[in-house]
Amino acid sequence: MERRHWLMPLLLLLALTAGGASLRAEEPPTRQPRQPVGPIDDTAKTEAAKKASESDYELYKIFADTLDQIERNYVKDVSRRELMEAAIKGALEKLDPYSNYINPDEISRFRTSVEHQFGGIGIQIGMEDGQLKVISPLLGTPAYRAGLESGDAILEIDGKSTEGIQIDEAVKLLKGEPDTKVTLVVRHAGSREKTTISVTREIVHVETVLGDSRKSDDTWDFMLDRDKHIGYIRITAFGRDTAAEVKEAVEALQKEGLKGLIIDLRFNPGGLLSAAIEVSDLFISEGKIVSTKGRNTPERTWEAVKDGTFEGFPMVVLVNHYSASASEIFSAALQDHKRAVVIGERTWGKGSVQNVIELEEGKSALKLTTAGYHRPSGKNIHRYPEAKESDEWGVMPDKGYEVKMNGSQTAQLIEYRRRRDILIGKHEKALSSSDAKQSDVPEKSEAEPKTEDAEKPVDADKPAADEKPAVESDATPAEPAEEKPAEDKPADEAPASEEKPAAEEAKEETKEDDEPVDVTTSLSKVDPQLQKAVDYLSTELARGPEESTP
């Protein structure tokens, strides 16, 4: 009997829940208060409610008895927490791919993906032949200021050898509380000497707004074509600071004479609903941006406001099959309002909103689908399991602007972008400025990026992040974001389905007679979708403002 003592409180708790006690954590804190009702006099209704309560109690009792039998009689010892977490996950599997449970071991990583910031030194790392290598420091971080560069080998972390170390372990050693120090022994690329570097951790911000290339001071250059004044902004995820970063980038472009703008959302798995709305509002002066509605949540509609809107220039939004959720909200809003032409491929098709509910006083959390969202035109975005290609879902490119890319092209594009994202170290800059021969340039590390992602339970086929190097935060720059407050629900993250990730599709679809594309070749070969966007804007700008038609 002593082994059953924990079951009675459980049964009592479940019975209270079934009886209507205020234990329903899934109800959003911002829900409208229920209207007071008078006493129920209808005997039939009272009896029906009583029978329903008794039926619920019997179901909960079966659950409790099952846990008791497992604990007492299963061939191996299983902890109660393991059983309860398994039960929770089993219940969520009956729902949709986007509802899941975040246990205490995952909660820190999850919060990093929400905030797009963490305590650490700000570095991307990878493995090459069993050696931990620096892929790139993040601009302006402690690692950047300390002189860590692409290709550097990290030999020790706080006295611990990194020989044969796993990426996850290295990440845990590098990250930590702000104002604490970590000591690294490194060997710079092209050198045989070891250098000891002490770095003080800070709150590191992972940027979500990127350009096409970097300037000499390592900041992003958002002007793609200086002759035609065409700007280019790449959004990797919709985080808390994304709208402010986009606003800053556009204002910088306007100072350089911006005439046309490309917003690249390819491989963007989504992020915060609030961020998608804020970024959309930067380019739409009036009308509906998006609306949401759920079974237990009031319908809400977000309207654009004219103040602060960027107008007077044509726009393109680039999307592909791996653009999802918040990316679809943005692209659909600009397409429906005819503010931009959508170019690329049909998007993923995720039209649901998740609410994040804290459990155990924040030690764990439940991510639950609570509503669906609708684009301004009212057209459907969500791709249901039974959906066909001929059905209406996702965001389709505008007529005449669909540009499909096969697996080998997609893989080449990912690698092309990865290389352009890397910060060039001072050693390479010095060699470049002195017209050094190619043979004299230190060999750049081709370290393999981390391929196991922290959010696999939801994102079984992560599109872009799998091709990114590991960041010490356990979250890559493209890591999708979530948010806790119910009034600021995340539109969720990367899509989940039975389809394979972009990297795997690229390998499978590459034919033997496919010739590899050199990333130094023309834009039309390395990125035909971006070339199409440039061609469109060039034509629009040639017509003049009166003739331009998005």
Protein backbone atom coordinates (compact mmCIF):
# COMPACT_ATOMS: atom_id res chain seq x y z
CA MET A 1 0.00 0.00 0.00
CA GLU A 2 2.87 2.39 0.66
CA ARG A 3 3.63 2.38 -3.07
CA ARG A 4 0.13 3.60 -3.85
CA HIS A 5 0.28 6.61 -1.54
CA TRP A 6 1.10 8.96 -4.40
CA LEU A 7 -1.89 7.85 -6.46
CA MET A 8 -4.58 9.20 -4.13
CA PRO A 9 -3.52 12.85 -4.44
CA LEU A 10 -3.31 12.34 -8.19
CA LEU A 11 -6.83 10.95 -8.35
CA LEU A 12 -8.09 13.81 -6.17
CA LEU A 13 -6.40 16.37 -8.40
CA LEU A 14 -7.80 14.81 -11.55
CA ALA A 15 -11.26 14.56 -10.03
CA LEU A 16 -11.18 18.24 -9.08
CA THR A 17 -10.14 19.09 -12.63
CA ALA A 18 -13.01 17.07 -14.03
CA GLY A 19 -15.34 18.77 -11.58
CA GLY A 20 -14.51 22.21 -12.90
CA ALA A 21 -11.90 23.43 -10.41
CA SER A 22 -9.83 26.33 -11.72
CA LEU A 23 -6.88 24.17 -12.75
CA ARG A 24 -7.09 24.71 -16.50
CA ALA A 25 -3.68 26.16 -17.22
CA GLU A 26 -4.35 26.07 -20.92
CA GLU A 27 -6.87 28.88 -20.66
CA PRO A 28 -5.05 32.06 -21.79
CA PRO A 29 -4.62 34.60 -18.97
CA THR A 30 -6.09 37.26 -21.29
CA ARG A 31 -9.38 35.44 -21.86
CA GLN A 32 -12.59 37.36 -21.31
CA PRO A 33 -14.13 36.82 -17.86
CA ARG A 34 -17.03 34.42 -17.90
CA GLN A 35 -20.45 35.93 -17.35
CA PRO A 36 -21.99 35.01 -14.01
CA VAL A 37 -24.75 32.44 -14.29
CA GLY A 38 -27.57 31.68 -11.96
CA PRO A 39 -28.18 28.38 -10.20
CA ILE A 40 -29.09 25.46 -12.48
CA ASP A 41 -32.57 24.24 -11.66
CA ASP A 42 -32.95 21.86 -14.53
CA THR A 43 -32.81 18.38 -12.98
CA ALA A 44 -31.93 16.70 -16.30
CA LYS A 45 -28.94 18.98 -16.82
CA THR A 46 -27.79 18.38 -13.26
CA GLU A 47 -27.96 14.61 -13.70
CA ALA A 48 -26.13 14.79 -17.03
CA ALA A 49 -23.34 16.83 -15.49
CA LYS A 50 -23.09 14.38 -12.59
CA LYS A 51 -22.81 11.39 -14.94
CA ALA A 52 -20.16 13.17 -17.02
CA SER A 53 -18.15 13.90 -13.89
CA GLU A 54 -18.37 10.28 -12.76
CA SER A 55 -17.30 9.10 -16.21
CA ASP A 56 -14.29 11.41 -16.15
CA TYR A 57 -13.34 10.12 -12.70
CA GLU A 58 -13.40 6.53 -13.98
CA LEU A 59 -11.10 7.44 -16.85
CA TYR A 60 -8.65 9.15 -14.52
CA LYS A 61 -8.78 6.14 -12.23
CA ILE A 62 -7.77 3.87 -15.14
CA PHE A 63 -4.82 6.16 -15.79
CA ALA A 64 -3.74 6.15 -12.14
CA ASP A 65 -4.14 2.36 -11.87
CA THR A 66 -2.02 1.91 -15.00
CA LEU A 67 0.80 4.00 -13.55
CA ASP A 68 0.58 2.01 -10.33
CA GLN A 69 0.82 -1.32 -12.16
CA ILE A 70 3.84 -0.14 -14.14
CA GLU A 71 5.61 1.10 -11.03
CA ARG A 72 4.94 -2.08 -9.06
CA ASN A 73 5.30 -4.79 -11.70
CA TYR A 74 7.30 -3.60 -14.72
CA VAL A 75 10.49 -5.59 -15.28
CA LYS A 76 12.69 -2.52 -14.81
CA ASP A 77 12.46 0.39 -12.41
CA VAL A 78 10.97 3.50 -14.04
CA SER A 79 10.86 6.84 -12.26
CA ARG A 80 7.53 8.52 -11.68
CA ARG A 81 8.70 11.62 -13.56
CA GLU A 82 9.56 9.52 -16.59
CA LEU A 83 6.11 7.98 -16.51
CA MET A 84 4.31 11.29 -16.10
CA GLU A 85 6.32 13.00 -18.85
CA ALA A 86 5.70 10.05 -21.15
CA ALA A 87 1.98 10.29 -20.40
CA ILE A 88 1.98 14.02 -21.15
CA LYS A 89 3.82 13.52 -24.43
CA GLY A 90 1.48 10.68 -25.34
CA ALA A 91 -1.54 12.93 -24.82
CA LEU A 92 0.02 15.69 -26.94
CA GLU A 93 0.74 13.26 -29.76
CA LYS A 94 -3.02 12.96 -30.20
CA LEU A 95 -3.20 16.66 -31.03
CA ASP A 96 -1.03 18.23 -33.75
CA PRO A 97 2.71 18.33 -34.53
CA TYR A 98 3.10 21.79 -33.03
CA SER A 99 1.86 21.08 -29.49
CA ASN A 100 4.55 19.68 -27.24
CA TYR A 101 5.96 19.50 -23.73
CA ILE A 102 9.27 21.16 -22.82
CA ASN A 103 10.88 19.37 -19.89
CA PRO A 104 13.30 20.95 -17.38
CA ASP A 105 16.34 19.78 -19.35
CA GLU A 106 15.09 21.58 -22.48
CA ILE A 107 13.63 24.73 -20.92
CA SER A 108 16.87 26.75 -20.95
CA ARG A 109 17.46 26.04 -24.63
CA PHE A 110 13.82 26.84 -25.34
CA ARG A 111 14.07 30.23 -23.63
CA THR A 112 17.17 31.02 -25.64
CA SER A 113 15.21 30.38 -28.82
CA VAL A 114 12.50 32.74 -27.57
CA GLU A 115 14.74 35.59 -26.58
CA HIS A 116 17.41 35.16 -29.28
CA GLN A 117 19.93 36.01 -26.59
CA PHE A 118 21.96 34.10 -24.02
CA GLY A 119 24.83 34.33 -21.57
CA GLY A 120 28.06 33.40 -23.33
CA ILE A 121 30.95 34.64 -25.48
CA GLY A 122 29.16 34.71 -28.87
CA ILE A 123 30.70 32.13 -31.14
CA GLN A 124 29.66 29.56 -33.74
CA ILE A 125 31.49 26.25 -33.50
CA GLY A 126 31.78 23.01 -35.46
CA MET A 127 33.83 19.81 -35.64
CA GLU A 128 36.52 18.97 -38.16
CA ASP A 129 38.32 15.61 -37.91
CA GLY A 130 37.49 15.43 -34.22
CA GLN A 131 38.79 18.95 -33.55
CA LEU A 132 36.61 21.74 -32.22
CA LYS A 133 36.84 24.70 -34.61
CA VAL A 134 35.54 28.26 -34.72
CA ILE A 135 33.14 28.71 -37.62
CA SER A 136 32.68 32.40 -36.90
CA PRO A 137 32.40 34.77 -33.94
CA LEU A 138 29.23 36.86 -33.74
CA LEU A 139 29.81 40.52 -34.50
CA GLY A 140 30.54 42.72 -31.47
CA THR A 141 30.57 39.85 -28.94
CA PRO A 142 33.26 39.04 -26.36
CA ALA A 143 34.64 36.34 -28.70
CA TYR A 144 34.84 38.87 -31.54
CA ARG A 145 36.63 41.44 -29.38
CA ALA A 146 38.99 38.80 -28.01
CA GLY A 147 40.23 38.06 -31.54
CA LEU A 148 38.75 34.62 -32.12
CA GLU A 149 38.44 34.00 -35.86
CA SER A 150 37.05 31.59 -38.39
CA GLY A 151 39.22 28.48 -38.57
CA ASP A 152 40.72 28.79 -35.09
CA ALA A 153 41.07 25.47 -33.25
CA ILE A 154 39.83 25.43 -29.64
CA LEU A 155 42.14 23.03 -27.80
CA GLU A 156 40.97 23.54 -24.21
CA ILE A 157 38.00 25.09 -22.39
CA ASP A 158 38.71 25.95 -18.75
CA GLY A 159 41.48 23.39 -18.64
CA LYS A 160 39.40 20.61 -20.23
CA SER A 161 40.75 19.16 -23.47
CA THR A 162 38.38 19.36 -26.42
CA GLU A 163 39.83 16.30 -28.16
CA GLY A 164 36.87 14.16 -29.21
CA ILE A 165 34.43 16.46 -27.37
CA GLN A 166 30.77 16.51 -28.41
CA ILE A 167 29.31 19.78 -29.67
CA ASP A 168 26.61 19.85 -26.97
CA GLU A 169 29.21 19.47 -24.23
CA ALA A 170 31.34 22.25 -25.72
CA VAL A 171 28.30 24.53 -25.86
CA LYS A 172 27.57 23.94 -22.17
CA LEU A 173 31.17 24.73 -21.24
CA LEU A 174 31.22 27.95 -23.26
CA LYS A 175 27.89 29.42 -22.17
CA GLY A 176 27.26 30.68 -18.66
CA GLU A 177 26.18 33.58 -16.49
CA PRO A 178 27.16 37.09 -17.61
CA ASP A 179 30.31 38.54 -15.98
CA THR A 180 31.84 35.08 -15.48
CA LYS A 181 35.06 34.14 -17.27
CA VAL A 182 36.00 31.22 -19.49
CA THR A 183 39.60 30.46 -20.42
CA LEU A 184 40.35 29.03 -23.87
CA VAL A 185 43.53 27.59 -25.34
CA VAL A 186 43.37 28.14 -29.09
CA ARG A 187 45.54 27.75 -32.15
CA HIS A 188 44.86 30.40 -34.75
CA ALA A 189 44.36 29.30 -38.35
CA GLY A 190 47.69 29.09 -40.14
CA SER A 191 49.70 29.07 -36.90
CA ARG A 192 51.31 26.28 -34.87
CA GLU A 193 51.49 28.22 -31.62
CA LYS A 194 48.99 27.90 -28.80
CA THR A 195 47.40 31.02 -27.35
CA THR A 196 45.55 31.32 -24.04
CA ILE A 197 42.60 33.69 -24.12
CA SER A 198 40.40 34.65 -21.17
CA VAL A 199 36.95 35.87 -22.19
CA THR A 200 34.27 37.39 -19.97
CA ARG A 201 30.76 36.21 -20.80
CA GLU A 202 28.01 38.70 -21.60
CA ILE A 203 24.41 38.66 -22.74
CA VAL A 204 24.82 37.84 -26.43
CA HIS A 205 22.20 38.90 -28.94
CA VAL A 206 21.70 36.60 -31.94
CA GLU A 207 20.82 38.77 -34.93
CA THR A 208 17.82 37.79 -37.03
CA VAL A 209 18.21 40.48 -39.71
CA LEU A 210 21.08 39.93 -42.14
CA GLY A 211 22.29 41.45 -45.38
CA ASP A 212 23.83 39.98 -48.51
CA SER A 213 27.48 40.57 -47.62
CA ARG A 214 29.62 42.25 -44.99
CA LYS A 215 31.38 45.59 -45.10
CA SER A 216 35.05 46.05 -44.23
CA ASP A 217 34.08 46.66 -40.59
CA ASP A 218 32.16 43.33 -40.55
CA THR A 219 28.72 44.99 -40.32
CA TRP A 220 26.08 43.93 -42.82
CA ASP A 221 25.81 45.64 -46.17
CA PHE A 222 22.10 45.79 -47.00
CA MET A 223 22.56 47.33 -50.45
CA LEU A 224 22.57 44.52 -53.00
CA ASP A 225 22.90 46.60 -56.17
CA ARG A 226 24.42 50.05 -55.69
CA ASP A 227 23.92 51.11 -59.28
CA LYS A 228 20.17 50.45 -59.19
CA HIS A 229 19.84 51.11 -55.43
CA ILE A 230 18.22 47.75 -54.71
CA GLY A 231 18.31 46.77 -51.04
CA TYR A 232 18.33 43.25 -49.61
CA ILE A 233 17.24 42.20 -46.10
CA ARG A 234 17.31 38.57 -45.00
CA ILE A 235 15.18 37.66 -41.98
CA THR A 236 16.17 34.32 -40.44
CA ALA A 237 13.45 34.27 -37.75
CA PHE A 238 10.87 36.61 -36.23
CA GLY A 239 12.17 37.45 -32.75
CA ARG A 240 11.55 40.18 -30.23
CA ASP A 241 13.99 42.62 -31.84
CA THR A 242 13.38 41.77 -35.49
CA ALA A 243 11.06 44.71 -36.22
CA ALA A 244 13.51 47.21 -34.74
CA GLU A 245 16.38 45.65 -36.71
CA VAL A 246 14.41 45.76 -39.97
CA LYS A 247 13.44 49.38 -39.34
CA GLU A 248 17.07 50.30 -38.72
CA ALA A 249 18.19 48.50 -41.88
CA VAL A 250 15.58 50.21 -44.10
CA GLU A 251 16.42 53.63 -42.66
CA ALA A 252 20.11 53.00 -43.43
CA LEU A 253 19.19 51.98 -46.98
CA GLN A 254 17.07 55.09 -47.45
CA LYS A 255 20.10 57.23 -46.58
CA GLU A 256 21.88 55.49 -49.46
CA GLY A 257 19.04 56.24 -51.88
CA LEU A 258 16.94 53.06 -51.68
CA LYS A 259 14.71 52.57 -54.74
CA GLY A 260 13.67 48.90 -54.47
CA LEU A 261 13.74 46.35 -51.64
CA ILE A 262 13.97 42.55 -51.39
CA ILE A 263 12.92 40.81 -48.16
CA ASP A 264 14.31 37.26 -48.10
CA LEU A 265 12.27 34.83 -45.97
CA ARG A 266 13.60 31.60 -47.46
CA PHE A 267 14.34 28.96 -44.83
CA ASN A 268 12.72 31.22 -42.21
CA PRO A 269 10.78 28.81 -39.94
CA GLY A 270 8.69 31.51 -38.28
CA GLY A 271 8.79 32.98 -34.80
CA LEU A 272 6.65 35.38 -32.83
CA LEU A 273 3.24 36.40 -34.08
CA SER A 274 3.78 39.86 -32.60
CA ALA A 275 7.04 40.25 -34.53
CA ALA A 276 5.41 39.23 -37.82
CA ILE A 277 2.69 41.82 -37.23
CA GLU A 278 5.19 44.57 -36.35
CA VAL A 279 7.35 43.93 -39.40
CA SER A 280 4.28 43.79 -41.67
CA ASP A 281 3.10 47.10 -40.24
CA LEU A 282 6.37 48.71 -41.33
CA PHE A 283 5.34 48.28 -44.98
CA ILE A 284 1.51 48.37 -44.91
CA SER A 285 -0.21 51.68 -44.22
CA GLU A 286 -3.76 50.48 -43.57
CA GLY A 287 -6.02 47.45 -43.49
CA LYS A 288 -5.95 44.03 -41.89
CA ILE A 289 -2.64 42.30 -41.30
CA VAL A 290 -3.84 39.05 -39.75
CA SER A 291 -6.63 37.65 -37.58
CA THR A 292 -6.67 34.74 -35.14
CA LYS A 293 -9.49 32.64 -33.77
CA GLY A 294 -9.63 29.62 -31.47
CA ARG A 295 -12.14 27.44 -29.61
CA ASN A 296 -11.41 29.04 -26.25
CA THR A 297 -9.89 32.34 -27.35
CA PRO A 298 -11.68 35.43 -28.61
CA GLU A 299 -11.24 36.39 -32.23
CA ARG A 300 -8.62 39.10 -32.69
CA THR A 301 -7.72 41.22 -35.69
CA TRP A 302 -4.59 43.34 -36.14
CA GLU A 303 -4.81 46.40 -38.37
CA ALA A 304 -1.95 48.37 -39.91
CA VAL A 305 -1.36 52.00 -38.95
CA LYS A 306 0.04 54.60 -41.35
CA ASP A 307 2.48 56.21 -38.95
CA GLY A 308 6.02 54.99 -39.57
CA THR A 309 5.20 53.08 -42.77
CA PHE A 310 7.92 52.73 -45.42
CA GLU A 311 6.36 53.54 -48.80
CA GLY A 312 7.28 54.80 -52.24
CA PHE A 313 9.40 51.91 -53.52
CA PRO A 314 8.58 48.50 -55.06
CA MET A 315 9.19 45.36 -53.00
CA VAL A 316 9.79 41.64 -53.44
CA VAL A 317 9.32 38.96 -50.80
CA LEU A 318 11.36 35.81 -51.44
CA VAL A 319 9.93 32.55 -50.05
CA ASN A 320 10.50 28.84 -50.50
CA HIS A 321 9.03 25.58 -49.21
CA TYR A 322 10.75 26.10 -45.86
CA SER A 323 9.21 29.52 -45.18
CA ALA A 324 6.62 28.89 -42.49
CA SER A 325 4.27 30.36 -39.93
CA ALA A 326 5.25 33.98 -39.14
CA SER A 327 6.96 34.10 -42.55
CA GLU A 328 3.65 33.23 -44.16
CA ILE A 329 1.82 35.90 -42.15
CA PHE A 330 4.23 38.55 -43.45
CA SER A 331 4.34 37.40 -47.06
CA ALA A 332 0.56 36.88 -47.21
CA ALA A 333 -0.12 40.34 -45.77
CA LEU A 334 2.12 42.11 -48.27
CA GLN A 335 0.79 40.01 -51.13
CA ASP A 336 -2.88 40.59 -50.29
CA HIS A 337 -2.32 44.32 -49.94
CA LYS A 338 -0.37 44.31 -53.24
CA ARG A 339 2.55 45.92 -51.44
CA ALA A 340 5.04 43.35 -52.73
CA VAL A 341 5.40 40.64 -55.34
CA VAL A 342 6.05 37.19 -53.87
CA ILE A 343 8.75 35.26 -55.75
CA GLY A 344 10.06 31.72 -55.23
CA GLU A 345 8.19 28.59 -54.20
CA ARG A 346 5.00 27.71 -52.37
CA THR A 347 5.48 28.08 -48.61
CA TRP A 348 5.16 25.39 -45.95
CA GLY A 349 1.54 25.88 -44.90
CA LYS A 350 1.31 26.41 -41.14
CA GLY A 351 -1.65 28.45 -40.04
CA SER A 352 -1.83 27.68 -36.33
CA VAL A 353 -0.80 29.68 -33.26
CA GLN A 354 0.77 28.18 -30.16
CA ASN A 355 0.49 29.51 -26.62
CA VAL A 356 3.29 28.71 -24.16
CA ILE A 357 2.08 27.89 -20.65
CA GLU A 358 4.57 27.69 -17.82
CA LEU A 359 4.49 24.58 -15.65
CA GLU A 360 6.21 23.89 -12.32
CA GLU A 361 6.72 27.61 -11.73
CA GLY A 362 8.66 27.93 -14.98
CA LYS A 363 10.78 24.79 -14.69
CA SER A 364 8.94 23.23 -17.63
CA ALA A 365 6.36 24.38 -20.15
CA LEU A 366 3.51 23.29 -22.39
CA LYS A 367 3.32 24.59 -25.93
CA LEU A 368 -0.29 24.22 -27.03
CA THR A 369 -2.06 25.10 -30.26
CA THR A 370 -4.83 27.47 -29.20
CA ALA A 371 -5.85 29.28 -32.38
CA GLY A 372 -5.55 29.50 -36.13
CA TYR A 373 -4.64 32.57 -38.12
CA HIS A 374 -6.08 33.94 -41.36
CA ARG A 375 -4.54 36.17 -44.01
CA PRO A 376 -6.21 39.49 -44.91
CA SER A 377 -7.97 38.01 -47.97
CA GLY A 378 -9.47 35.24 -45.84
CA LYS A 379 -7.72 32.52 -47.83
CA ASN A 380 -6.51 29.45 -45.99
CA ILE A 381 -2.83 29.00 -45.14
CA HIS A 382 -2.76 25.85 -43.04
CA ARG A 383 -1.82 22.62 -44.79
CA TYR A 384 -3.87 19.89 -43.14
CA PRO A 385 -2.63 16.27 -43.18
CA GLU A 386 -5.07 15.30 -45.92
CA ALA A 387 -4.35 18.38 -48.05
CA LYS A 388 -3.52 17.94 -51.74
CA GLU A 389 -1.25 20.02 -53.94
CA SER A 390 -4.33 21.32 -55.74
CA ASP A 391 -5.89 22.56 -52.48
CA GLU A 392 -5.59 26.08 -51.15
CA TRP A 393 -2.83 26.33 -48.51
CA GLY A 394 0.41 28.18 -47.91
CA VAL A 395 1.44 31.30 -49.81
CA MET A 396 1.84 30.88 -53.56
CA PRO A 397 4.23 33.07 -55.57
CA ASP A 398 2.52 35.64 -57.76
CA LYS A 399 1.58 34.43 -61.22
CA GLY A 400 4.63 34.22 -63.43
CA TYR A 401 7.05 34.47 -60.52
CA GLU A 402 7.35 30.87 -59.34
CA VAL A 403 11.01 29.81 -59.45
CA LYS A 404 11.57 26.23 -58.35
CA MET A 405 14.97 24.95 -57.23
CA ASN A 406 16.00 21.29 -57.14
CA GLY A 407 17.89 19.59 -54.33
CA SER A 408 21.39 20.30 -55.60
CA GLN A 409 20.57 23.98 -56.16
CA THR A 410 19.11 24.27 -52.66
CA ALA A 411 22.16 22.65 -51.06
CA GLN A 412 24.45 24.96 -53.04
CA LEU A 413 22.45 28.01 -51.94
CA ILE A 414 22.68 26.98 -48.28
CA GLU A 415 26.45 26.58 -48.53
CA TYR A 416 26.81 29.84 -50.47
CA ARG A 417 24.93 31.74 -47.77
CA ARG A 418 26.80 30.01 -44.95
CA ARG A 419 30.13 31.13 -46.36
CA ARG A 420 28.98 34.71 -46.85
CA ASP A 421 27.81 34.84 -43.22
CA ILE A 422 31.27 34.02 -41.85
CA LEU A 423 33.27 36.93 -40.47
CA ILE A 424 36.63 37.21 -42.19
CA GLY A 425 39.45 37.26 -39.61
CA LYS A 426 42.15 39.90 -39.47
CA HIS A 427 44.73 37.41 -40.73
CA GLU A 428 42.84 36.92 -44.00
CA LYS A 429 42.09 40.64 -44.30
CA ALA A 430 45.78 41.47 -43.93
CA LEU A 431 46.72 38.93 -46.57
CA SER A 432 44.01 40.19 -48.89
CA SER A 433 45.07 43.83 -48.54
CA SER A 434 48.68 42.95 -49.33
CA ASP A 435 47.72 41.08 -52.52
CA ALA A 436 48.89 37.75 -51.08
CA LYS A 437 48.94 34.74 -53.38
CA GLN A 438 46.19 32.18 -52.93
CA SER A 439 48.75 29.58 -51.81
CA ASP A 440 49.85 31.88 -48.99
CA VAL A 441 46.35 32.30 -47.55
CA PRO A 442 45.73 30.17 -44.43
CA GLU A 443 43.33 27.38 -45.24
CA LYS A 444 39.84 28.23 -44.05
CA SER A 445 38.17 25.71 -41.80
CA GLU A 446 35.45 23.68 -43.44
CA ALA A 447 34.19 22.47 -40.09
CA GLU A 448 30.99 20.49 -40.22
CA PRO A 449 28.11 22.34 -38.59
CA LYS A 450 26.09 20.76 -35.83
CA THR A 451 23.25 18.77 -37.36
CA GLU A 452 21.28 17.71 -34.29
CA ASP A 453 18.83 20.37 -33.32
CA ALA A 454 17.52 21.14 -29.88
CA GLU A 455 13.88 21.28 -30.93
CA LYS A 456 13.56 17.90 -32.69
CA PRO A 457 10.31 16.89 -30.93
CA VAL A 458 8.50 19.64 -32.84
CA ASP A 459 10.84 20.11 -35.73
CA ALA A 460 11.54 16.66 -37.07
CA ASP A 461 12.78 18.10 -40.34
CA LYS A 462 14.33 21.43 -39.57
CA PRO A 463 14.90 23.26 -42.84
CA ALA A 464 17.59 25.87 -42.48
CA ALA A 465 18.97 25.44 -38.98
CA ASP A 466 20.39 22.01 -39.72
CA GLU A 467 22.76 23.66 -42.14
CA LYS A 468 23.97 26.19 -39.61
CA PRO A 469 26.96 25.84 -37.28
CA ALA A 470 26.28 25.33 -33.60
CA VAL A 471 26.13 28.49 -31.54
CA GLU A 472 27.30 28.23 -27.95
CA SER A 473 23.75 29.12 -26.90
CA ASP A 474 22.45 25.78 -28.20
CA ALA A 475 20.42 27.85 -30.64
CA THR A 476 21.48 28.82 -34.13
CA PRO A 477 20.77 32.23 -35.60
CA ALA A 478 17.87 30.66 -37.48
CA GLU A 479 16.50 29.01 -34.44
CA PRO A 480 12.73 29.51 -34.21
CA ALA A 481 11.27 31.53 -31.44
CA GLU A 482 8.52 31.00 -28.94
CA GLU A 483 6.99 33.28 -26.38
CA LYS A 484 5.35 32.85 -23.01
CA PRO A 485 2.68 35.59 -22.61
CA ALA A 486 -0.72 34.57 -23.94
CA GLU A 487 -1.36 38.05 -25.25
CA ASP A 488 1.74 37.78 -27.44
CA LYS A 489 1.43 34.28 -28.83
CA PRO A 490 4.14 32.87 -31.04
CA ALA A 491 3.09 31.83 -34.50
CA ASP A 492 5.50 28.99 -33.74
CA GLU A 493 8.60 27.74 -35.31
CA ALA A 494 9.85 25.42 -37.94
CA PRO A 495 7.38 23.16 -39.68
CA ALA A 496 7.01 19.52 -38.73
CA SER A 497 5.89 16.76 -41.05
CA GLU A 498 7.05 13.55 -42.64
CA GLU A 499 8.96 15.42 -45.32
CA LYS A 500 12.76 15.38 -45.33
CA PRO A 501 14.91 18.43 -44.51
CA ALA A 502 16.39 20.52 -47.27
CA ALA A 503 19.86 19.02 -46.87
CA GLU A 504 18.58 15.45 -47.21
CA GLU A 505 16.37 16.36 -50.15
CA ALA A 506 19.34 18.00 -51.82
CA LYS A 507 21.43 14.85 -51.49
CA GLU A 508 18.69 12.58 -52.74
CA GLU A 509 17.72 14.75 -55.71
CA THR A 510 21.29 15.42 -56.90
CA LYS A 511 21.93 13.44 -60.07
CA GLU A 512 25.27 12.09 -61.19
CA ASP A 513 25.31 14.36 -64.20
CA ASP A 514 24.60 17.48 -62.11
CA GLU A 515 27.64 19.74 -62.24
CA PRO A 516 28.49 21.47 -58.95
CA VAL A 517 27.94 25.22 -59.04
CA ASP A 518 30.90 27.39 -58.12
CA VAL A 519 29.73 30.05 -55.65
CA THR A 520 31.82 32.62 -57.50
CA THR A 521 29.70 32.27 -60.63
CA SER A 522 26.85 34.55 -61.63
CA LEU A 523 23.88 35.15 -59.35
CA SER A 524 21.55 33.50 -61.86
CA LYS A 525 23.31 30.17 -61.30
CA VAL A 526 23.91 30.25 -57.57
CA ASP A 527 20.56 31.89 -56.69
CA PRO A 528 18.03 32.06 -59.56
CA GLN A 529 15.24 33.13 -57.17
CA LEU A 530 17.18 36.19 -56.04
CA GLN A 531 18.11 36.91 -59.66
CA LYS A 532 14.41 36.86 -60.55
CA ALA A 533 13.76 39.37 -57.78
CA VAL A 534 16.51 41.67 -59.04
CA ASP A 535 15.18 41.39 -62.60
CA TYR A 536 11.65 42.27 -61.47
CA LEU A 537 12.77 45.33 -59.50
CA SER A 538 15.04 46.45 -62.33
CA THR A 539 12.07 46.39 -64.70
CA GLU A 540 9.82 48.22 -62.23
CA LEU A 541 12.43 50.91 -61.62
CA ALA A 542 12.93 51.36 -65.35
CA ARG A 543 9.20 51.94 -65.80
CA GLY A 544 9.10 54.70 -63.23
CA PRO A 545 6.78 55.20 -60.25
CA GLU A 546 3.66 55.89 -62.31
CA GLU A 547 3.92 52.69 -64.32
CA SER A 548 5.03 50.34 -61.52
CA THR A 549 2.49 47.71 -60.57
CA PRO A 550 3.27 45.26 -57.75
